[in-house]
Structures are given as structure tokens and as C-alpha cells.
Amino acid sequence: MVNVAVHGIGTIGKRIAHAVKLQKDMKLKAIVGYSPDTTIKTLLEPHGPLYGTDLYATNEESLKKFRDAKMIVNGTLEDLLKKGEIDVIIDATPEGLGKEYRDKYYSKYNVKAIFQGGEDADVAEMTFNAVVNYEKAFGKKFIRVPSCNTTGLIRTLSAIEKFGIAYVFVAIARRAADPHEHKKGPINAVEFEEVPSHHGEDVRTVLTNLNIFTMAIKVPTTLAHTHMVEATLMKKVSKEDIIKAFEDQTRVVLLDMKEYPATSKIIEKFRDYCRPRNDMYEIVVLRDSISVEGNKVRWMQVVHQEADVIPENIDAIRAITGIEKDKWKSIKMTNESLGILK
């Protein structure tokens, strides 16, 4: 049993904390927040999924905020780490803060940490994917789980890597904001991003030899990202070969555009599964978008930006602490606990 703390209780952090509570080999020892917002208050209410979890504040300033809000708070992040009870901390703080917390707290108290994709890759000793490089996390002190888009691309591209990949081009339509983010946009515009986008470089932190170029735009939706992928393989394959590769890959599911012509229909499917927060941990590949011409393969896939990295974080906890050496056993435990389809 490993003791886990989650620092940063936003879109990703609250989901990781909830997922940790569902594991039989982990204990959610504490959550660490910066301010007494409605999210933390709701999570810790009697009907909230984190009810009974110890709350700590990031620093003295945030400690005062919680106490002024009449919330029960046990002290600061430093107070928590001083106790020596935490085996690993998940850092899900706003992007760019990870290095500061690593140097100021996690290193000082010799606590292992798992960072998120908003941080630069050099915040950690490696970037983690459960299928591709689980074993490389053994013995590490700091690892990083890449962003939602990067995780989605790694899942599908690693599935077809066995055919040999010469080159990949990806066009990404990014969601504008998460559903709760009322102050972000765009609302009535398509926002352009620097070319190439950062996603290709990030994919190479895991699939190190991949020749990939990515472009991205931001579109006015909150539901999911959509990827349009063209992979040039080193040999000719059939459409059936590609479909089977995706079918065999964990956390990738295939749906048909004829039945699911929009991201809203896909998300509704997972609402109807009664998933918590309608979370879609799987990457959805649109089966009837798959096109094969010689050695060129094209497809579209959908990534739920709030959820696809959650199972990777759970597997990362097992890998960095060494409590499970077999990646497939870890993946199976995680998948079953979260109700992941395969």
C-alpha cells in the first residue's frame, strides 16, 4: 500500500485523487489546494467523492485563505511532507509551477513526484506511458505524464509502430476550454497556434525515434480534441491490419462516424455509461475514417482532454514506487477500477 498526495485540485488533479481512492493498493493520504474554491468545497462535502480526505494548503498564504473560509485544513504542503508519510505526490498544479515545487518541497523532503504535461519535459527524469515505457520508471524520483493530446497520439501511434513508421503528420483541432472554464475562449473564432505545434516534440519524449510534424488550431468547443492523422508506413498494410492494431491496443476504442457523427454524440455515449463526470479515458478512433492507400494510413481520433491521462497517472504511481513490476497487471487493475472498456 502506497500513500499518495495530490497537489493541485483542478480538472486533472481532482480526477486523479478520485481514481487513487478506487485502487486497492493505494491510499489517498491528502489533497493540497491553493484556494477554497467551489471545486474543493464540493469534493469534500459529505456527498463529495473526496469526503473525509485530509486537506492541506500550498503555503502560508493559501492556508490563511482556507481558514478565512472556515474550512478544516491540516496545515501546509511543507507540514504534510515533513511527516514523512507520503510515498509519492501527484503534481497537478497550474503549468509552469512544477519545477518550483520540485526544488522547494519535493526534493527537500525526498518525495517522489509525478508531473503533468503542462510542465516542460525537463521537470522530470522521463516522460511516461504505461504501454511504451512502464519499466523505465522503476527507480526514478521524478516522472512526467504528457498532455492529453500527446497521450492520445502515443496510444494510437504505438499501436501501429510494429509496421514501421516513416513519417507522421497530425492536424489537431483543440477544444477552446474545459466545460467549467467560463472565462476562456474563443467563443466565435478559430485561434491559430505556432507551426509546428509542440505536440510532435512532446510525442518524441516517449516515441523517441518518431518522425512527426504537428499543427494545431483552437476551436469553439469544450467537449474534446479531434486529431486528423496521416502516417506513412515503411510497408504496405491493409485497412484490416490497422483496425486490428487499434482493436488490440488497450485504452483505444473504435466507433463509426455513421452512428457517432460528432463529438457530442461520442461524449453522450460515455454519459450513458454513467461514467463519473462523463469521463472518456479511452481514445476513440473513428473506424470508418480509416483510409489506407499503399503505405499511407489516415484516420481521425477523439481525445477527452479531461480524462485520458488519468489511467496513465495511476499506472505511473505503481511504476515509480515499484509496487507492481508487471505493466499489464497494473494496466488491468487500473482499467477495471475505472471501468475502462479494454
Protein backbone atom coordinates (compact mmCIF):
# COMPACT_ATOMS: atom_id res chain seq x y z
CA MET A 1 0.00 0.00 0.00
CA VAL A 2 1.49 3.34 -1.02
CA ASN A 3 0.46 6.71 0.39
CA VAL A 4 -0.39 9.27 -2.27
CA ALA A 5 -0.98 13.02 -2.08
CA VAL A 6 -2.38 15.14 -4.90
CA HIS A 7 -1.22 18.75 -5.18
CA GLY A 8 -3.50 20.87 -7.36
CA ILE A 9 -7.18 20.01 -7.38
CA GLY A 10 -8.32 21.25 -10.76
CA THR A 11 -9.57 19.41 -13.84
CA ILE A 12 -6.86 16.72 -13.70
CA GLY A 13 -5.97 16.69 -10.02
CA LYS A 14 -9.48 16.03 -8.75
CA ARG A 15 -9.88 13.13 -11.16
CA ILE A 16 -6.56 11.59 -10.19
CA ALA A 17 -7.44 11.92 -6.50
CA HIS A 18 -10.77 10.18 -7.10
CA ALA A 19 -9.07 7.44 -9.14
CA VAL A 20 -6.48 6.84 -6.41
CA LYS A 21 -9.31 6.23 -3.94
CA LEU A 22 -10.58 3.44 -6.20
CA GLN A 23 -7.29 1.49 -6.11
CA LYS A 24 -6.77 -1.40 -3.70
CA ASP A 25 -3.01 -0.88 -3.45
CA MET A 26 -3.01 2.88 -2.82
CA LYS A 27 -4.25 5.25 -0.15
CA LEU A 28 -5.16 8.87 -0.84
CA LYS A 29 -3.46 10.40 2.17
CA ALA A 30 -4.15 14.07 1.41
CA ILE A 31 -5.05 16.67 -1.16
CA VAL A 32 -3.28 20.01 -1.36
CA GLY A 33 -5.06 23.08 -2.67
CA TYR A 34 -4.33 26.76 -3.20
CA SER A 35 -7.67 28.41 -2.55
CA PRO A 36 -11.09 27.48 -1.11
CA ASP A 37 -12.92 27.42 -4.44
CA THR A 38 -16.20 25.68 -5.12
CA THR A 39 -14.44 22.61 -6.53
CA ILE A 40 -12.58 21.78 -3.31
CA LYS A 41 -15.60 22.62 -1.19
CA THR A 42 -17.83 20.30 -3.22
CA LEU A 43 -15.32 17.44 -3.29
CA LEU A 44 -15.01 17.49 0.50
CA GLU A 45 -18.72 17.82 1.26
CA PRO A 46 -20.45 14.72 2.75
CA HIS A 47 -21.75 13.79 -0.72
CA GLY A 48 -18.45 14.60 -2.43
CA PRO A 49 -16.13 11.86 -3.73
CA LEU A 50 -13.22 13.00 -1.54
CA TYR A 51 -15.19 13.40 1.68
CA GLY A 52 -13.00 12.58 4.67
CA THR A 53 -9.72 13.25 2.87
CA ASP A 54 -7.24 15.45 4.73
CA LEU A 55 -6.83 18.91 3.21
CA TYR A 56 -3.59 20.89 3.19
CA ALA A 57 -2.78 24.31 1.77
CA THR A 58 0.01 25.01 -0.70
CA ASN A 59 1.65 27.66 1.50
CA GLU A 60 1.01 30.04 4.40
CA GLU A 61 -0.87 32.48 2.18
CA SER A 62 -3.29 29.82 0.97
CA LEU A 63 -3.58 28.41 4.50
CA LYS A 64 -4.98 31.77 5.59
CA LYS A 65 -7.47 31.70 2.69
CA PHE A 66 -8.81 28.31 3.75
CA ARG A 67 -9.08 29.31 7.38
CA ASP A 68 -10.80 32.58 6.49
CA ALA A 69 -13.31 30.46 4.54
CA LYS A 70 -13.92 28.36 7.70
CA MET A 71 -12.58 25.20 6.06
CA ILE A 72 -10.85 22.48 8.07
CA VAL A 73 -7.24 22.49 6.88
CA ASN A 74 -4.42 20.48 8.44
CA GLY A 75 -1.51 22.76 7.59
CA THR A 76 0.69 23.49 4.60
CA LEU A 77 2.23 21.29 1.92
CA GLU A 78 5.52 21.54 3.82
CA ASP A 79 3.81 20.40 7.02
CA LEU A 80 2.48 17.37 5.15
CA LEU A 81 5.81 16.39 3.63
CA LYS A 82 7.69 16.89 6.91
CA LYS A 83 5.72 13.99 8.39
CA GLY A 84 7.45 11.57 6.03
CA GLU A 85 4.24 9.65 5.32
CA ILE A 86 3.88 10.42 1.60
CA ASP A 87 5.42 7.94 -0.85
CA VAL A 88 4.54 9.87 -3.99
CA ILE A 89 2.90 13.19 -4.78
CA ILE A 90 0.97 13.93 -7.94
CA ASP A 91 1.69 17.49 -9.02
CA ALA A 92 -1.33 18.75 -10.96
CA THR A 93 -0.69 22.42 -10.25
CA PRO A 94 -1.06 25.08 -12.99
CA GLU A 95 1.51 24.70 -15.76
CA GLY A 96 4.93 26.16 -15.12
CA LEU A 97 4.89 25.72 -11.35
CA GLY A 98 6.15 22.15 -11.21
CA LYS A 99 9.87 22.96 -11.15
CA GLU A 100 9.37 25.45 -8.33
CA TYR A 101 7.55 22.91 -6.18
CA ARG A 102 10.02 20.18 -7.14
CA ASP A 103 13.00 22.20 -5.98
CA LYS A 104 11.38 23.86 -2.97
CA TYR A 105 9.49 20.91 -1.50
CA TYR A 106 9.64 17.51 -3.20
CA SER A 107 13.44 17.33 -3.45
CA LYS A 108 13.90 18.80 0.02
CA TYR A 109 11.77 16.10 1.62
CA ASN A 110 12.89 13.29 -0.71
CA VAL A 111 9.39 12.59 -2.02
CA LYS A 112 8.82 11.03 -5.44
CA ALA A 113 6.67 13.16 -7.74
CA ILE A 114 4.65 12.72 -10.92
CA PHE A 115 4.18 15.86 -13.02
CA GLN A 116 1.67 16.64 -15.76
CA GLY A 117 2.01 17.58 -19.42
CA GLY A 118 1.78 21.31 -18.84
CA GLU A 119 5.32 21.17 -17.49
CA ASP A 120 8.40 21.12 -19.70
CA ALA A 121 9.84 17.65 -20.17
CA ASP A 122 12.98 18.52 -18.21
CA VAL A 123 10.95 18.81 -14.99
CA ALA A 124 11.40 15.04 -14.71
CA GLU A 125 13.80 12.23 -15.48
CA MET A 126 11.46 10.75 -18.09
CA THR A 127 8.07 11.13 -19.75
CA PHE A 128 5.82 8.16 -19.05
CA ASN A 129 3.41 5.98 -20.98
CA ALA A 130 2.13 2.77 -19.41
CA VAL A 131 2.37 0.63 -22.55
CA VAL A 132 5.54 2.06 -24.08
CA ASN A 133 7.99 2.61 -21.22
CA TYR A 134 6.49 1.48 -17.89
CA GLU A 135 9.67 -0.28 -16.78
CA LYS A 136 11.86 2.79 -17.33
CA ALA A 137 10.11 4.48 -14.40
CA PHE A 138 11.49 1.95 -11.92
CA GLY A 139 13.84 3.67 -9.50
CA LYS A 140 13.09 7.15 -10.78
CA LYS A 141 12.36 10.05 -8.44
CA PHE A 142 10.53 12.37 -10.84
CA ILE A 143 8.49 11.37 -13.88
CA ARG A 144 6.05 13.21 -16.12
CA VAL A 145 2.80 12.13 -17.73
CA PRO A 146 2.41 14.02 -21.04
CA SER A 147 -0.57 16.12 -22.07
CA CYS A 148 -3.94 14.81 -23.20
CA ASN A 149 -3.15 15.30 -26.90
CA THR A 150 0.28 13.73 -26.59
CA THR A 151 -1.10 10.77 -24.64
CA GLY A 152 -3.75 10.23 -27.31
CA LEU A 153 -1.20 10.24 -30.13
CA ILE A 154 1.18 7.92 -28.27
CA ARG A 155 -1.63 5.40 -27.71
CA THR A 156 -2.57 5.10 -31.36
CA LEU A 157 0.85 5.56 -32.96
CA SER A 158 2.46 2.99 -30.67
CA ALA A 159 -0.26 0.56 -31.79
CA ILE A 160 0.92 0.73 -35.41
CA GLU A 161 4.62 1.17 -34.69
CA LYS A 162 5.13 -2.54 -35.41
CA PHE A 163 4.51 -1.83 -39.12
CA GLY A 164 7.37 0.68 -39.17
CA ILE A 165 6.53 4.40 -39.28
CA ALA A 166 8.47 6.60 -41.71
CA TYR A 167 6.61 9.87 -41.10
CA VAL A 168 3.52 11.18 -39.34
CA PHE A 169 1.55 14.37 -39.97
CA VAL A 170 -1.15 15.36 -37.50
CA ALA A 171 -3.65 18.23 -37.64
CA ILE A 172 -5.22 18.91 -34.26
CA ALA A 173 -8.48 20.76 -33.58
CA ARG A 174 -8.09 21.63 -29.91
CA ARG A 175 -11.04 22.37 -27.68
CA ALA A 176 -11.12 26.00 -26.56
CA ALA A 177 -11.67 25.38 -22.85
CA ASP A 178 -12.86 22.82 -20.36
CA PRO A 179 -16.63 22.89 -19.71
CA HIS A 180 -16.31 24.72 -16.38
CA GLU A 181 -13.93 27.43 -17.65
CA HIS A 182 -16.31 30.34 -18.13
CA LYS A 183 -13.57 32.94 -18.62
CA LYS A 184 -11.78 31.23 -21.53
CA GLY A 185 -12.43 31.08 -25.25
CA PRO A 186 -12.57 31.60 -28.17
CA ILE A 187 -16.36 31.70 -28.45
CA ASN A 188 -16.76 32.80 -32.08
CA ALA A 189 -13.35 32.35 -33.67
CA VAL A 190 -10.73 29.83 -34.70
CA GLU A 191 -7.47 30.56 -32.89
CA PHE A 192 -4.20 29.79 -34.65
CA GLU A 193 -1.14 28.26 -32.99
CA GLU A 194 2.54 28.38 -33.82
CA VAL A 195 3.68 25.96 -36.52
CA PRO A 196 4.76 23.31 -35.82
CA SER A 197 2.79 22.84 -32.63
CA HIS A 198 4.56 21.47 -29.55
CA HIS A 199 2.76 18.13 -29.71
CA GLY A 200 5.18 16.41 -32.08
CA GLU A 201 8.19 17.22 -29.94
CA ASP A 202 6.28 16.02 -26.90
CA VAL A 203 5.37 12.70 -28.56
CA ARG A 204 9.09 12.17 -29.19
CA THR A 205 9.79 12.26 -25.46
CA VAL A 206 8.22 8.78 -25.43
CA LEU A 207 8.41 7.53 -29.04
CA THR A 208 11.93 8.85 -29.33
CA ASN A 209 12.72 7.97 -32.95
CA LEU A 210 9.40 9.02 -34.47
CA ASN A 211 9.49 11.47 -37.39
CA ILE A 212 6.37 13.56 -36.69
CA PHE A 213 5.05 17.02 -37.59
CA THR A 214 2.00 18.51 -35.88
CA MET A 215 -0.17 21.57 -36.45
CA ALA A 216 -2.99 22.78 -34.21
CA ILE A 217 -5.85 25.24 -34.06
CA LYS A 218 -8.19 26.04 -31.21
CA VAL A 219 -11.91 25.78 -31.98
CA PRO A 220 -15.00 26.92 -30.02
CA THR A 221 -15.97 23.68 -28.30
CA THR A 222 -15.43 22.34 -24.78
CA LEU A 223 -16.06 18.62 -25.28
CA ALA A 224 -12.92 17.11 -26.79
CA HIS A 225 -9.93 17.45 -29.08
CA THR A 226 -10.03 15.94 -32.58
CA HIS A 227 -6.95 14.66 -34.42
CA MET A 228 -6.60 14.05 -38.16
CA VAL A 229 -3.62 11.76 -38.65
CA GLU A 230 -1.68 10.68 -41.73
CA ALA A 231 1.03 8.08 -41.15
CA THR A 232 3.43 6.96 -43.86
CA LEU A 233 4.48 3.42 -43.06
CA MET A 234 7.57 1.52 -44.16
CA LYS A 235 5.49 -1.16 -45.83
CA LYS A 236 2.04 -1.62 -47.33
CA VAL A 237 -0.72 -2.71 -44.99
CA SER A 238 -4.44 -3.37 -45.27
CA LYS A 239 -7.22 -1.47 -43.56
CA GLU A 240 -7.95 -4.65 -41.63
CA ASP A 241 -4.36 -4.66 -40.32
CA ILE A 242 -4.79 -1.14 -38.94
CA ILE A 243 -8.20 -1.85 -37.44
CA LYS A 244 -6.84 -4.95 -35.70
CA ALA A 245 -3.87 -3.00 -34.34
CA PHE A 246 -6.22 -0.44 -32.80
CA GLU A 247 -8.55 -3.16 -31.52
CA ASP A 248 -5.63 -4.85 -29.79
CA GLN A 249 -4.42 -1.64 -28.12
CA THR A 250 -5.61 -1.00 -24.58
CA ARG A 251 -7.46 2.28 -23.96
CA VAL A 252 -8.29 2.70 -27.65
CA VAL A 253 -11.82 2.00 -28.88
CA LEU A 254 -13.31 2.15 -32.35
CA LEU A 255 -16.65 3.76 -33.18
CA ASP A 256 -18.28 4.52 -36.52
CA MET A 257 -18.97 8.02 -37.80
CA LYS A 258 -22.28 6.82 -39.19
CA GLU A 259 -23.50 6.27 -35.64
CA TYR A 260 -21.37 8.95 -33.96
CA PRO A 261 -21.15 11.86 -36.42
CA ALA A 262 -19.99 14.43 -33.84
CA THR A 263 -18.00 14.67 -30.62
CA SER A 264 -21.22 15.45 -28.76
CA LYS A 265 -22.62 12.02 -29.67
CA ILE A 266 -19.41 10.33 -28.52
CA ILE A 267 -19.39 12.11 -25.17
CA GLU A 268 -23.08 11.28 -24.74
CA LYS A 269 -22.21 7.60 -25.07
CA PHE A 270 -19.98 7.86 -22.02
CA ARG A 271 -22.64 9.84 -20.17
CA ASP A 272 -24.97 6.93 -20.82
CA TYR A 273 -22.38 4.59 -19.32
CA CYS A 274 -22.86 6.71 -16.18
CA ARG A 275 -19.15 7.42 -16.06
CA PRO A 276 -18.19 9.91 -13.33
CA ARG A 277 -18.16 13.36 -14.97
CA ASN A 278 -18.82 11.52 -18.31
CA ASP A 279 -15.08 10.80 -18.40
CA MET A 280 -13.78 9.11 -21.54
CA TYR A 281 -10.45 7.58 -20.59
CA GLU A 282 -10.19 5.82 -23.94
CA ILE A 283 -9.07 7.35 -27.24
CA VAL A 284 -11.87 6.96 -29.78
CA VAL A 285 -10.73 6.13 -33.31
CA LEU A 286 -13.43 6.59 -35.94
CA ARG A 287 -13.34 3.24 -37.72
CA ASP A 288 -14.91 4.44 -40.95
CA SER A 289 -12.45 7.33 -41.16
CA ILE A 290 -9.56 4.88 -41.55
CA SER A 291 -8.18 5.06 -45.08
CA VAL A 292 -5.29 3.05 -46.48
CA GLU A 293 -3.53 3.90 -49.76
CA GLY A 294 -0.42 1.83 -50.27
CA ASN A 295 1.78 2.66 -47.31
CA LYS A 296 -0.21 5.74 -46.26
CA VAL A 297 -2.75 5.41 -43.45
CA ARG A 298 -5.19 8.14 -42.41
CA TRP A 299 -7.71 8.33 -39.60
CA MET A 300 -9.49 10.63 -37.17
CA GLN A 301 -9.49 10.23 -33.41
CA VAL A 302 -11.16 11.96 -30.47
CA VAL A 303 -9.45 12.77 -27.16
CA HIS A 304 -11.30 13.72 -23.99
CA GLN A 305 -8.93 16.31 -22.59
CA GLU A 306 -10.20 15.99 -19.02
CA ALA A 307 -9.77 12.24 -18.66
CA ASP A 308 -7.40 10.34 -20.95
CA VAL A 309 -4.31 10.97 -18.78
CA ILE A 310 -5.94 9.70 -15.58
CA PRO A 311 -5.21 5.97 -16.05
CA GLU A 312 -1.61 6.80 -17.04
CA ASN A 313 -1.15 8.62 -13.74
CA ILE A 314 -2.41 5.62 -11.78
CA ASP A 315 -0.03 3.29 -13.61
CA ALA A 316 2.75 5.85 -13.10
CA ILE A 317 2.24 5.61 -9.33
CA ARG A 318 2.77 1.84 -9.44
CA ALA A 319 5.79 2.16 -11.71
CA ILE A 320 7.64 4.90 -9.82
CA THR A 321 7.07 3.23 -6.44
CA GLY A 322 7.74 -0.28 -7.75
CA ILE A 323 4.67 -1.81 -6.12
CA GLU A 324 3.81 -3.57 -9.40
CA LYS A 325 6.56 -4.62 -11.80
CA ASP A 326 4.28 -6.07 -14.49
CA LYS A 327 2.83 -3.27 -16.61
CA TRP A 328 -0.02 -5.43 -17.88
CA LYS A 329 -1.12 -6.28 -14.35
CA SER A 330 -1.09 -2.58 -13.48
CA ILE A 331 -3.00 -1.64 -16.62
CA LYS A 332 -5.57 -4.35 -15.90
CA MET A 333 -6.07 -3.16 -12.31
CA THR A 334 -6.40 0.45 -13.43
CA ASN A 335 -8.77 -0.36 -16.27
CA GLU A 336 -11.03 -2.47 -14.08
CA SER A 337 -11.16 0.13 -11.31
CA LEU A 338 -12.16 2.90 -13.73
CA GLY A 339 -14.49 0.82 -15.90
CA ILE A 340 -12.31 1.27 -18.98
CA LEU A 341 -13.72 -0.74 -21.89
CA LYS A 342 -10.46 -2.54 -22.74
